Structure formats: structure tokens, C-alpha cells
């Protein structure tokens, strides 16, 4: 049979029109695909090849081992010089793979071999006006047999030049009907039958998120004793909110199909990974500090009398209002529901068609994480001495006014979204009802947990109150000197 004109271009363009998709139900014998690309045996006088390397395709492979061949093709594929990535991918697609990065393709699919002199076939990557030609080997050449995904056929890549080579005589020749007088039954492919297969689609996704949010709050400070209050002052206080969150999404879906079995057998179950993508976002966050927005210094009688010499009583009519409003939102929780259980395909296996399953799943959670806690805050008065200092003396003088508990409520308004999508090509028996594309909704579960949500009020739990020299001395009657961090060490004085 004379080779068609449209097939006289090699891998730069020849395989672009032919994509034999890998699917979970088994392959149509891909030798048919290679035959369509290269053609049958030619009646032309073959070109005699005494040497290789004048028109290389993928380049010379350094060693005659499967490992060397795989690593060489990997390197050429990655460098992608002159479109070599597409060439290699399309060559492997004709052998039933998705491309070089198909998990099913590895060095185990490569076998070192020697093609003997006199071997005829289609040799690729000539440079004189055509891309491959019917050829005969003038001597023995080292090569690598590249085995198809389903093991039903193979092609070669030459060691010397990295050129592809295909012998159509090595494939199984279909015959319809089979001649009962033919003893060599390998020349007749087995009858196609329908087989039931359960496709299990499953996947998981996980993320960890966290942040530190710094802000300031205006906090009125009130010294309180026996129902009486002294207004110590309003202070801009740093407030830090820290949170950590874990989230996970999971899909699990099963579908039963009637697939075409070409004689290689079909497993009753097949597992397909379904990727799960998670997106986390904080819309807003807030912190409410104090009792009705105020920090209360619960002092004793002596301390109150001392503080009264410095600070005035709070007006009785003063209303206490909250410094911040907490986030509020209605909880939203939506997720996709599974498509009804159906069986795709039917018939008797005589009419096999490709079907694309488009699977989609989604889930959304929008909520507020709220937490109420208590902070221990130390009030420290600060007086800066002016004038001459003694040797070793520091200008700043500190007076510890006590450590007090202050409530703090934090809220994080967040949204968590998950989605999963996949297109899977399968070959099913057509009973007349098979859709070329079937949309499938998969169920998804979404969980999340705030492992940490903490508030720190003040500068690492300290609030500094400015004092004059006179105030510093007056407060000394009930409060002790201390260091800037609130500790009491003599070297700080």
C-alpha cells in the first residue's frame, strides 16, 4: 500500500492529528494508531542505511541501557530545543501514553535491543525534503524498544541518532472475519466484549493558614476601689491578634460503566485521583478590649488614696461604651451533591465510543471564629529625668502600678472555598444512549479548625503611663520602682 501524501511529515506534525488517550478501561491496540501514522509496508525500494547520525532527531543516547535512554529523553524533553518536547510527547501519545510525564511511562517501558541488517521499516527525521522514509538497515544497529502503554505494540528509538523507527510487520494484522484455517491466531485480534467496571474517584486537599494582625486601640484606664473610680487616662495601646487555622476538603465518588475489553482484560475496579483545591480568605477581623471598652485597675485602699493625689475621680454620669463592635455574619455552608448513581454504556461491545466524564465538586464555608480570653497587663508609670545624671544612672525612671486582668474578645470573619474538577476519557460500549460528554457532580466535604486564636494587649503585656516628676514621687508611696519590662532589679534603678 502506497503511503499517503499527508503522512509524509514526521513527528513535527505527524502526530498532532492523532491523540490516543489513555483511559481506565484498557487501550484499543495502539499498533493501529502507529500503523495509521507510518503506514503499512511499502512497495517502494527501501533506502539502504549503512550509517546513522547524519540527520539526528532526539540525539545520540550515550549508553545502551534503559536508564540511559530514559534519562536522555527526559533531558531532551526538558530542554525543548526545536520543539523536541512536543515531538516526544506526541510519539508517546501514539503509544497510548499522555506524554513523557505520564506516570505509566518509565524506564521499565524501555528495552535495549539490536535491529539486524535487512530489517525494513519507516525511519524518521531525514533532512532531504522529507521527514521519514521506507528504509532497510544495511547492518546491525543498537536501538531501544519503546513498549506501548497496554503492551500490545512497540516502536523503536535508535541509539546512534535518537531517530524513531517503526516496522509495521511487527504488529497484529486484523482480519474480519477470521479464517478458521489460519493456525496463527495471533494475527486475529480477540473479539471486543463489554465489561463492567467501577470507577472510584477520590481526592484530598489540605492547607494551613495563619496571620499576625497588629492594630491599636484607645483604652480608657480606670482605677477602682469600693465603688469609686479614678480616671487614669486614655491611652493608645498596641493590640496583636495571632491565629492559625487548618482546613481540609475531600471528595469520594464511584461510578459504574460498561467498558470495551479488547482481550487484555479489564479490572473490576479502577482508582482515579481527583484533585482538590482550597482557597482561604479573611474578610475582616476585630478585637474588643476591656470591660465596656475600659481597663479596670482593681486597687486596694492605700493605692487608691495614693492614685487620688495624681488622678481625678471619673464623672458619675460618664457612660461606658464598648470600644469596638464584634464581627457578625450568618454562617454559610454549601457543598455539591453527588449525581444519581447510573451505569454508563451498554450494548454488546460491537460499537465502542469515547466518552468524556467531566467531574466537578465544590464547597463553601463562610463564618466567624470568635474567642474570649483574658490578658494580664502590667501598668508602668514612666518619668524621664532631666538635667545631670549620676554615673551609671539612666534618665528613664519606671514605677510599676500593678498587674491587672483585662478581657479581650477576638473575631475573624473568614471564607473557605474548595473545588475539584477533572475530565476523564473512557471508552464505553454504546447502547445508543451514551452522551459524548457527561457532566458528573461529585460530593465534597469541607472541614476547618482554628488551632490558635490569641490576643496580646499592650507592648508584650505592658502599658506605659507618662508621669511628671511630682507624680512619680507621689506614686512612690504605694508603688515600687521597677525596670522597663516590669521586673524589679536594682541595676535598673
Protein backbone atom coordinates (compact mmCIF):
# COMPACT_ATOMS: atom_id res chain seq x y z
CA UNK A 1 0.00 0.00 0.00
CA UNK A 2 1.43 3.35 -1.03
CA UNK A 3 1.89 5.75 1.83
CA UNK A 4 -0.48 8.72 1.82
CA UNK A 5 0.99 12.13 0.97
CA UNK A 6 -0.44 13.69 4.11
CA UNK A 7 1.58 11.29 6.27
CA UNK A 8 4.99 12.19 4.78
CA UNK A 9 5.76 14.53 7.62
CA UNK A 10 7.29 13.12 10.76
CA UNK A 11 6.83 13.99 14.42
CA UNK A 12 6.97 17.76 13.99
CA UNK A 13 3.45 17.47 12.58
CA UNK A 14 2.52 13.83 12.01
CA UNK A 15 1.21 13.06 15.47
CA UNK A 16 -0.64 16.34 16.00
CA UNK A 17 -3.74 14.95 14.37
CA UNK A 18 -3.60 11.67 16.30
CA UNK A 19 -4.08 11.50 20.06
CA UNK A 20 -4.77 8.10 21.51
CA UNK A 21 -5.97 8.89 25.00
CA UNK A 22 -5.10 6.73 27.97
CA UNK A 23 -8.17 5.54 29.81
CA UNK A 24 -9.00 3.28 32.69
CA UNK A 25 -10.78 0.65 30.65
CA UNK A 26 -7.84 -0.55 28.52
CA UNK A 27 -6.49 0.56 25.14
CA UNK A 28 -7.60 -0.07 21.62
CA UNK A 29 -4.46 -1.87 20.35
CA UNK A 30 -2.27 1.14 19.67
CA UNK A 31 -0.48 -0.67 16.85
CA UNK A 32 -3.42 0.50 14.76
CA UNK A 33 -2.54 4.08 15.68
CA UNK A 34 1.14 3.64 14.80
CA UNK A 35 0.10 1.98 11.56
CA UNK A 36 -2.07 4.99 10.68
CA UNK A 37 0.83 7.35 11.30
CA UNK A 38 3.54 5.41 9.49
CA UNK A 39 1.56 3.25 7.07
CA UNK A 40 1.75 -0.36 6.05
CA UNK A 41 4.69 -1.99 4.37
CA UNK A 42 5.70 -0.02 1.31
CA UNK A 43 6.17 -1.40 -2.20
CA UNK A 44 8.87 1.21 -2.82
CA UNK A 45 12.50 0.22 -2.96
CA UNK A 46 13.81 0.90 0.54
CA UNK A 47 16.68 3.31 1.21
CA UNK A 48 19.71 1.33 2.40
CA UNK A 49 21.08 2.72 5.68
CA UNK A 50 24.74 1.89 6.29
CA UNK A 51 25.24 4.56 8.93
CA UNK A 52 23.17 6.76 11.22
CA UNK A 53 23.70 10.20 12.71
CA UNK A 54 23.57 12.42 9.60
CA UNK A 55 20.09 13.70 10.47
CA UNK A 56 19.52 13.12 14.21
CA UNK A 57 16.11 13.52 15.81
CA UNK A 58 16.49 13.26 19.58
CA UNK A 59 20.28 12.97 19.60
CA UNK A 60 22.63 10.13 20.38
CA UNK A 61 21.94 8.17 23.55
CA UNK A 62 25.23 7.65 25.44
CA UNK A 63 24.77 4.09 26.77
CA UNK A 64 22.81 1.05 25.65
CA UNK A 65 20.73 0.80 28.82
CA UNK A 66 17.10 1.57 29.58
CA UNK A 67 18.18 4.04 32.26
CA UNK A 68 20.43 5.93 29.85
CA UNK A 69 17.66 6.13 27.24
CA UNK A 70 15.05 7.35 29.73
CA UNK A 71 17.35 10.00 31.23
CA UNK A 72 18.40 11.18 27.77
CA UNK A 73 14.79 11.59 26.61
CA UNK A 74 13.96 13.36 29.88
CA UNK A 75 16.79 15.84 29.27
CA UNK A 76 15.79 16.47 25.65
CA UNK A 77 12.15 16.85 26.70
CA UNK A 78 13.05 19.41 29.36
CA UNK A 79 15.34 21.49 27.10
CA UNK A 80 12.68 21.55 24.36
CA UNK A 81 15.08 22.52 21.58
CA UNK A 82 13.38 22.82 18.17
CA UNK A 83 10.09 21.59 19.58
CA UNK A 84 11.52 18.31 20.89
CA UNK A 85 9.10 18.34 23.84
CA UNK A 86 6.05 18.13 21.57
CA UNK A 87 7.76 15.52 19.36
CA UNK A 88 8.47 13.23 22.30
CA UNK A 89 5.01 13.74 23.81
CA UNK A 90 3.24 13.01 20.51
CA UNK A 91 5.41 9.94 19.88
CA UNK A 92 4.40 8.56 23.30
CA UNK A 93 0.74 9.52 22.78
CA UNK A 94 0.71 7.27 19.72
CA UNK A 95 1.88 4.52 22.07
CA UNK A 96 -1.06 5.14 24.41
CA UNK A 97 0.53 7.48 26.97
CA UNK A 98 -0.46 11.02 27.88
CA UNK A 99 3.08 12.16 27.15
CA UNK A 100 6.55 11.85 28.66
CA UNK A 101 5.31 12.83 32.13
CA UNK A 102 2.61 10.14 32.12
CA UNK A 103 3.15 8.16 35.38
CA UNK A 104 2.75 4.98 33.35
CA UNK A 105 5.82 5.74 31.25
CA UNK A 106 9.13 4.89 32.90
CA UNK A 107 12.39 3.16 32.07
CA UNK A 108 10.59 -0.15 32.63
CA UNK A 109 8.86 0.53 29.30
CA UNK A 110 12.23 0.69 27.50
CA UNK A 111 14.18 -2.38 26.39
CA UNK A 112 17.66 -2.24 24.80
CA UNK A 113 17.65 -4.23 21.55
CA UNK A 114 19.61 -4.76 18.33
CA UNK A 115 17.89 -4.44 14.98
CA UNK A 116 19.58 -6.80 12.49
CA UNK A 117 20.76 -5.96 8.99
CA UNK A 118 17.94 -6.38 6.50
CA UNK A 119 15.29 -5.01 8.86
CA UNK A 120 12.81 -2.81 6.97
CA UNK A 121 10.59 -0.09 8.32
CA UNK A 122 9.84 3.61 8.46
CA UNK A 123 12.88 5.65 9.65
CA UNK A 124 12.25 9.18 10.80
CA UNK A 125 13.91 12.62 10.63
CA UNK A 126 15.55 12.63 7.20
CA UNK A 127 16.71 16.06 6.11
CA UNK A 128 16.45 15.95 2.30
CA UNK A 129 12.93 17.19 1.69
CA UNK A 130 11.04 14.51 3.60
CA UNK A 131 10.74 13.61 7.24
CA UNK A 132 10.77 9.83 7.17
CA UNK A 133 11.28 7.14 4.58
CA UNK A 134 10.83 3.45 3.91
CA UNK A 135 14.27 2.07 4.73
CA UNK A 136 16.30 -1.08 5.16
CA UNK A 137 19.14 -1.41 7.65
CA UNK A 138 22.45 -2.17 5.96
CA UNK A 139 23.94 -3.58 9.15
CA UNK A 140 23.08 -4.30 12.76
CA UNK A 141 22.20 -1.22 14.81
CA UNK A 142 21.69 -0.80 18.55
CA UNK A 143 18.26 0.52 19.40
CA UNK A 144 15.70 0.83 22.18
CA UNK A 145 12.28 -0.79 22.02
CA UNK A 146 9.60 1.57 23.42
CA UNK A 147 6.68 -0.55 24.64
CA UNK A 148 3.13 0.83 24.43
CA UNK A 149 1.02 1.58 27.50
CA UNK A 150 -1.06 -1.57 27.04
CA UNK A 151 1.83 -3.74 25.83
CA UNK A 152 0.12 -4.53 22.53
CA UNK A 153 2.74 -2.93 20.28
CA UNK A 154 6.03 -1.07 20.20
CA UNK A 155 8.24 1.28 18.20
CA UNK A 156 11.98 1.98 18.36
CA UNK A 157 14.35 4.87 19.02
CA UNK A 158 17.84 4.36 17.58
CA UNK A 159 20.80 4.70 19.93
CA UNK A 160 23.10 6.45 17.47
CA UNK A 161 20.83 9.25 16.29
CA UNK A 162 17.75 9.08 18.51
CA UNK A 163 15.58 8.66 15.38
CA UNK A 164 12.25 6.84 15.58
CA UNK A 165 11.81 3.58 13.69
CA UNK A 166 8.66 1.52 13.11
CA UNK A 167 8.27 -1.88 11.46
CA UNK A 168 4.60 -2.40 10.50
CA UNK A 169 5.31 -6.11 10.10
CA UNK A 170 5.61 -6.47 13.88
CA UNK A 171 2.01 -5.56 14.58
CA UNK A 172 -1.05 -7.80 14.80
CA UNK A 173 -2.88 -7.68 11.45
CA UNK A 174 -6.66 -7.53 11.93
CA UNK A 175 -8.79 -9.90 9.85
CA UNK A 176 -12.56 -9.87 9.60
CA UNK A 177 -13.82 -12.48 9.64
CA UNK A 178 -11.01 -14.64 10.95
CA UNK A 179 -10.13 -17.50 8.65
CA UNK A 180 -10.77 -20.70 10.63
CA UNK A 181 -7.99 -22.34 8.60
CA UNK A 182 -5.42 -19.86 9.93
CA UNK A 183 -3.46 -21.56 12.70
CA UNK A 184 -1.67 -18.38 13.81
CA UNK A 185 -4.44 -16.89 15.89
CA UNK A 186 -2.16 -14.01 16.96
CA UNK A 187 -2.92 -12.42 13.62
CA UNK A 188 -6.56 -12.05 14.59
CA UNK A 189 -7.36 -9.72 17.49
CA UNK A 190 -9.73 -11.10 20.11
CA UNK A 191 -13.39 -10.16 19.91
CA UNK A 192 -14.36 -6.99 21.75
CA UNK A 193 -16.72 -7.57 24.67
CA UNK A 194 -18.38 -5.34 27.26
CA UNK A 195 -17.13 -5.49 30.82
CA UNK A 196 -18.48 -3.85 33.97
CA UNK A 197 -16.03 -1.58 35.74
CA UNK A 198 -16.41 0.66 38.79
CA UNK A 199 -14.52 3.93 38.61
CA UNK A 200 -13.58 5.26 42.05
CA UNK A 201 -12.82 8.98 42.05
CA UNK A 202 -11.25 10.22 45.29
CA UNK A 203 -9.01 13.03 46.43
CA UNK A 204 -7.99 15.16 49.38
CA UNK A 205 -6.61 18.65 49.85
CA UNK A 206 -5.19 20.36 52.90
CA UNK A 207 -4.00 23.87 53.75
CA UNK A 208 -2.64 25.66 56.79
CA UNK A 209 -3.21 29.39 57.18
CA UNK A 210 -2.24 31.93 59.78
CA UNK A 211 -1.51 35.60 60.32
CA UNK A 212 -0.47 38.20 62.85
CA UNK A 213 -2.67 41.31 62.79
CA UNK A 214 -1.34 44.40 64.56
CA UNK A 215 -3.55 47.33 65.43
CA UNK A 216 -4.04 49.94 68.18
CA UNK A 217 -6.97 50.60 70.49
CA UNK A 218 -7.86 53.68 72.53
CA UNK A 219 -8.35 52.26 76.01
CA UNK A 220 -9.58 54.39 78.94
CA UNK A 221 -7.91 53.21 82.17
CA UNK A 222 -9.90 53.43 85.41
CA UNK A 223 -8.58 52.79 88.94
CA UNK A 224 -11.41 51.34 91.03
CA UNK A 225 -11.91 50.74 94.75
CA UNK A 226 -15.10 50.20 96.75
CA UNK A 227 -17.35 51.63 94.04
CA UNK A 228 -15.22 54.73 93.46
CA UNK A 229 -13.37 55.33 90.20
CA UNK A 230 -10.35 57.44 89.22
CA UNK A 231 -9.78 58.26 85.53
CA UNK A 232 -6.11 57.45 84.98
CA UNK A 233 -6.31 58.48 81.31
CA UNK A 234 -6.92 57.29 77.74
CA UNK A 235 -4.05 55.51 76.06
CA UNK A 236 -3.37 54.29 72.52
CA UNK A 237 -2.43 50.70 73.19
CA UNK A 238 -0.97 48.23 70.68
CA UNK A 239 -3.07 45.10 70.24
CA UNK A 240 -1.90 41.99 68.40
CA UNK A 241 -4.16 39.18 67.14
CA UNK A 242 -2.50 35.90 66.14
CA UNK A 243 -4.34 32.96 64.60
CA UNK A 244 -3.60 29.61 62.94
CA UNK A 245 -6.13 27.54 61.02
CA UNK A 246 -6.18 24.09 59.39
CA UNK A 247 -8.61 23.16 56.63
CA UNK A 248 -9.22 20.08 54.51
CA UNK A 249 -11.50 19.11 51.64
CA UNK A 250 -12.34 15.61 50.47
CA UNK A 251 -14.21 14.05 47.55
CA UNK A 252 -15.24 10.44 47.12
CA UNK A 253 -17.43 9.23 44.26
CA UNK A 254 -17.98 5.94 42.43
CA UNK A 255 -19.49 5.34 39.01
CA UNK A 256 -20.18 2.06 37.22
CA UNK A 257 -19.55 1.90 33.46
CA UNK A 258 -19.70 -0.67 30.68
CA UNK A 259 -16.27 -0.53 29.07
CA UNK A 260 -14.83 -2.20 25.99
CA UNK A 261 -12.49 -5.12 26.61
CA UNK A 262 -10.15 -5.81 23.68
CA UNK A 263 -8.88 -9.05 25.11
CA UNK A 264 -6.38 -7.70 27.61
CA UNK A 265 -8.88 -7.95 30.46
CA UNK A 266 -10.42 -5.13 32.45
CA UNK A 267 -10.04 -4.79 36.22
CA UNK A 268 -13.35 -4.66 38.08
CA UNK A 269 -12.28 -1.50 39.91
CA UNK A 270 -10.14 1.45 38.89
CA UNK A 271 -8.98 4.31 41.11
CA UNK A 272 -8.59 7.82 39.73
CA UNK A 273 -7.18 10.72 41.74
CA UNK A 274 -9.46 13.74 41.84
CA UNK A 275 -7.52 16.92 42.77
CA UNK A 276 -8.97 19.18 45.48
CA UNK A 277 -8.11 22.88 45.53
CA UNK A 278 -8.66 25.04 48.63
CA UNK A 279 -8.84 28.83 48.89
CA UNK A 280 -8.85 30.64 52.23
CA UNK A 281 -9.58 34.33 52.79
CA UNK A 282 -10.10 36.60 55.81
CA UNK A 283 -12.63 39.32 55.00
CA UNK A 284 -12.16 41.17 58.31
CA UNK A 285 -11.02 40.79 61.89
CA UNK A 286 -11.59 42.73 65.09
CA UNK A 287 -10.68 42.82 68.76
CA UNK A 288 -12.75 44.22 71.65
CA UNK A 289 -10.69 45.03 74.75
CA UNK A 290 -11.73 45.72 78.32
CA UNK A 291 -14.95 45.83 80.33
CA UNK A 292 -17.32 48.01 78.29
CA UNK A 293 -14.28 49.26 76.48
CA UNK A 294 -12.35 50.19 79.63
CA UNK A 295 -9.45 48.69 81.51
CA UNK A 296 -10.15 48.45 85.24
CA UNK A 297 -7.30 48.69 87.75
CA UNK A 298 -8.69 46.97 90.86
CA UNK A 299 -6.55 48.59 93.61
CA UNK A 300 -6.58 48.49 97.40
CA UNK A 301 -7.42 51.33 99.76
CA UNK A 302 -3.84 52.57 100.17
CA UNK A 303 -3.17 52.51 96.43
CA UNK A 304 -6.44 54.30 95.72
CA UNK A 305 -5.53 57.12 98.16
CA UNK A 306 -2.12 57.48 96.52
CA UNK A 307 -3.57 57.47 92.99
CA UNK A 308 -6.16 60.06 94.07
CA UNK A 309 -3.31 62.54 94.67
CA UNK A 310 -2.45 62.28 90.98
CA UNK A 311 -5.73 61.48 89.17
CA UNK A 312 -9.27 62.84 89.42
CA UNK A 313 -12.47 60.96 90.08
CA UNK A 314 -14.40 59.90 86.98
CA UNK A 315 -17.66 61.80 86.34
CA UNK A 316 -20.61 59.82 87.70
CA UNK A 317 -22.61 60.45 84.51
CA UNK A 318 -19.93 59.08 82.23
CA UNK A 319 -21.34 56.17 80.21
CA UNK A 320 -19.18 53.18 79.46
CA UNK A 321 -19.36 52.17 75.80
CA UNK A 322 -17.63 49.34 74.01
CA UNK A 323 -14.53 50.35 72.06
CA UNK A 324 -15.27 48.02 69.13
CA UNK A 325 -18.14 46.11 67.64
CA UNK A 326 -17.54 42.45 67.03
CA UNK A 327 -17.97 40.96 63.57
CA UNK A 328 -21.32 39.36 62.92
CA UNK A 329 -22.32 37.23 59.99
CA UNK A 330 -24.71 34.46 59.17
CA UNK A 331 -23.00 31.13 58.78
CA UNK A 332 -22.92 29.88 55.18
CA UNK A 333 -22.17 26.26 54.40
CA UNK A 334 -22.83 24.87 50.91
CA UNK A 335 -21.49 21.83 49.12
CA UNK A 336 -22.11 19.89 45.93
CA UNK A 337 -24.34 16.84 45.92
CA UNK A 338 -23.50 13.62 44.10
CA UNK A 339 -25.06 12.84 40.74
CA UNK A 340 -27.53 9.93 40.87
CA UNK A 341 -25.92 6.53 40.54
CA UNK A 342 -26.15 5.41 36.91
CA UNK A 343 -24.47 2.88 34.66
CA UNK A 344 -22.84 4.41 31.59
CA UNK A 345 -22.75 2.35 28.42
CA UNK A 346 -24.35 -0.92 27.38
CA UNK A 347 -24.70 -2.79 24.14
CA UNK A 348 -22.76 -5.84 23.03
CA UNK A 349 -19.30 -4.35 22.52
CA UNK A 350 -19.58 -4.05 18.74
CA UNK A 351 -19.94 -0.29 18.93
CA UNK A 352 -17.31 1.25 21.23
CA UNK A 353 -17.20 5.03 21.65
CA UNK A 354 -15.08 7.51 23.54
CA UNK A 355 -16.89 9.35 26.32
CA UNK A 356 -15.61 12.29 28.36
CA UNK A 357 -16.62 12.36 32.00
CA UNK A 358 -16.44 15.92 33.34
CA UNK A 359 -16.44 15.77 37.14
CA UNK A 360 -17.00 18.84 39.31
CA UNK A 361 -17.39 19.35 43.04
CA UNK A 362 -17.46 22.42 45.27
CA UNK A 363 -18.00 23.54 48.87
CA UNK A 364 -18.08 26.90 50.64
CA UNK A 365 -17.92 27.79 54.33
CA UNK A 366 -18.28 31.41 55.50
CA UNK A 367 -18.31 32.03 59.24
CA UNK A 368 -16.86 33.99 62.15
CA UNK A 369 -14.43 32.44 64.58
CA UNK A 370 -14.85 34.18 67.96
CA UNK A 371 -12.87 33.70 71.13
CA UNK A 372 -12.96 35.40 74.53
CA UNK A 373 -9.83 35.40 76.68
CA UNK A 374 -8.12 37.26 79.47
CA UNK A 375 -4.88 39.21 79.26
CA UNK A 376 -2.59 40.03 82.16
CA UNK A 377 -1.46 43.62 81.65
CA UNK A 378 1.13 45.49 83.75
CA UNK A 379 0.71 49.26 84.13
CA UNK A 380 4.10 51.02 84.26
CA UNK A 381 4.50 54.71 85.01
CA UNK A 382 7.40 56.42 83.20
CA UNK A 383 9.20 59.60 84.32
CA UNK A 384 12.11 60.99 82.30
CA UNK A 385 14.63 62.81 84.45
CA UNK A 386 16.24 65.91 83.01
CA UNK A 387 19.46 67.56 83.95
CA UNK A 388 22.67 65.98 85.14
CA UNK A 389 22.67 62.25 85.75
CA UNK A 390 24.86 60.42 88.21
CA UNK A 391 27.37 57.88 86.96
CA UNK A 392 25.50 54.78 85.76
CA UNK A 393 22.13 56.46 86.21
CA UNK A 394 19.53 56.22 83.42
CA UNK A 395 17.19 59.05 82.52
CA UNK A 396 14.02 56.96 82.42
CA UNK A 397 12.52 56.04 85.76
CA UNK A 398 9.81 53.37 85.99
CA UNK A 399 7.12 52.79 88.59
CA UNK A 400 5.11 49.54 88.47
CA UNK A 401 1.45 50.37 89.10
CA UNK A 402 0.32 46.74 89.27
CA UNK A 403 -0.72 43.86 87.00
CA UNK A 404 -4.38 43.55 86.13
CA UNK A 405 -6.63 41.22 84.15
CA UNK A 406 -8.32 42.63 81.07
CA UNK A 407 -10.78 40.70 78.89
CA UNK A 408 -10.26 40.60 75.15
CA UNK A 409 -12.66 39.22 72.54
CA UNK A 410 -11.36 38.48 69.06
CA UNK A 411 -13.33 37.66 65.92
CA UNK A 412 -12.12 36.54 62.48
CA UNK A 413 -14.59 36.74 59.60
CA UNK A 414 -13.35 34.17 57.08
CA UNK A 415 -14.36 32.26 53.99
CA UNK A 416 -13.14 28.84 52.91
CA UNK A 417 -13.78 27.56 49.40
CA UNK A 418 -12.96 24.23 47.81
CA UNK A 419 -13.37 22.98 44.27
CA UNK A 420 -12.46 19.89 42.33
CA UNK A 421 -12.63 19.24 38.59
CA UNK A 422 -11.39 16.58 36.23
CA UNK A 423 -12.03 15.41 32.68
CA UNK A 424 -11.56 11.68 32.17
CA UNK A 425 -11.83 9.97 28.78
CA UNK A 426 -13.16 6.43 28.82
CA UNK A 427 -14.18 4.02 26.07
CA UNK A 428 -17.60 2.53 26.66
CA UNK A 429 -20.00 0.20 24.90
CA UNK A 430 -22.64 2.32 23.19
CA UNK A 431 -26.24 1.19 23.51
CA UNK A 432 -27.46 4.29 21.71
CA UNK A 433 -27.82 6.42 24.85
CA UNK A 434 -24.19 7.32 25.56
CA UNK A 435 -23.54 11.05 25.65
CA UNK A 436 -20.18 12.21 24.20
CA UNK A 437 -19.74 14.40 27.30
CA UNK A 438 -21.35 13.54 30.61
CA UNK A 439 -21.40 16.08 33.43
CA UNK A 440 -20.96 14.49 36.84
CA UNK A 441 -21.40 16.24 40.20
CA UNK A 442 -19.26 14.78 42.98
CA UNK A 443 -19.94 15.24 46.71
CA UNK A 444 -17.44 17.22 48.73
CA UNK A 445 -16.85 17.61 52.45
CA UNK A 446 -15.07 20.60 53.93
CA UNK A 447 -13.73 20.96 57.48
CA UNK A 448 -11.68 23.60 59.25
CA UNK A 449 -10.38 24.33 62.74
CA UNK A 450 -8.75 27.34 64.37
CA UNK A 451 -5.88 25.76 66.30
CA UNK A 452 -4.78 29.12 67.71
CA UNK A 453 -6.50 32.47 68.26
CA UNK A 454 -4.74 34.70 70.77
CA UNK A 455 -4.78 38.39 71.67
CA UNK A 456 -1.91 40.29 73.28
CA UNK A 457 -2.81 43.71 74.72
CA UNK A 458 -0.13 46.33 75.14
CA UNK A 459 3.57 46.20 74.41
CA UNK A 460 4.08 42.49 75.20
CA UNK A 461 1.51 42.84 78.00
CA UNK A 462 2.68 46.25 79.25
CA UNK A 463 1.03 49.69 79.09
CA UNK A 464 3.24 52.73 79.76
CA UNK A 465 1.79 55.76 81.53
CA UNK A 466 3.73 59.07 81.31
CA UNK A 467 4.43 60.74 84.69
CA UNK A 468 5.78 64.08 85.79
CA UNK A 469 8.45 64.31 88.47
CA UNK A 470 5.87 65.25 91.08
CA UNK A 471 3.51 62.42 90.07
CA UNK A 472 6.38 59.96 90.11
CA UNK A 473 7.24 60.91 93.69
CA UNK A 474 3.63 60.84 94.91
CA UNK A 475 3.00 57.38 93.49
CA UNK A 476 6.15 56.12 95.19
CA UNK A 477 4.28 55.97 98.50
CA UNK A 478 2.28 52.92 97.35
CA UNK A 479 4.05 51.63 94.25
CA UNK A 480 7.60 50.35 93.80
CA UNK A 481 10.26 51.19 91.28
CA UNK A 482 10.91 48.64 88.54
CA UNK A 483 12.66 48.08 85.24
CA UNK A 484 11.23 48.96 81.84
CA UNK A 485 9.99 45.37 81.40
CA UNK A 486 8.22 45.40 84.76
CA UNK A 487 10.81 43.36 86.63
CA UNK A 488 12.38 44.56 89.88
CA UNK A 489 16.17 44.52 89.67
CA UNK A 490 18.36 47.03 91.48
CA UNK A 491 20.58 47.56 88.45
CA UNK A 492 17.60 49.12 86.59
CA UNK A 493 17.30 51.98 89.16
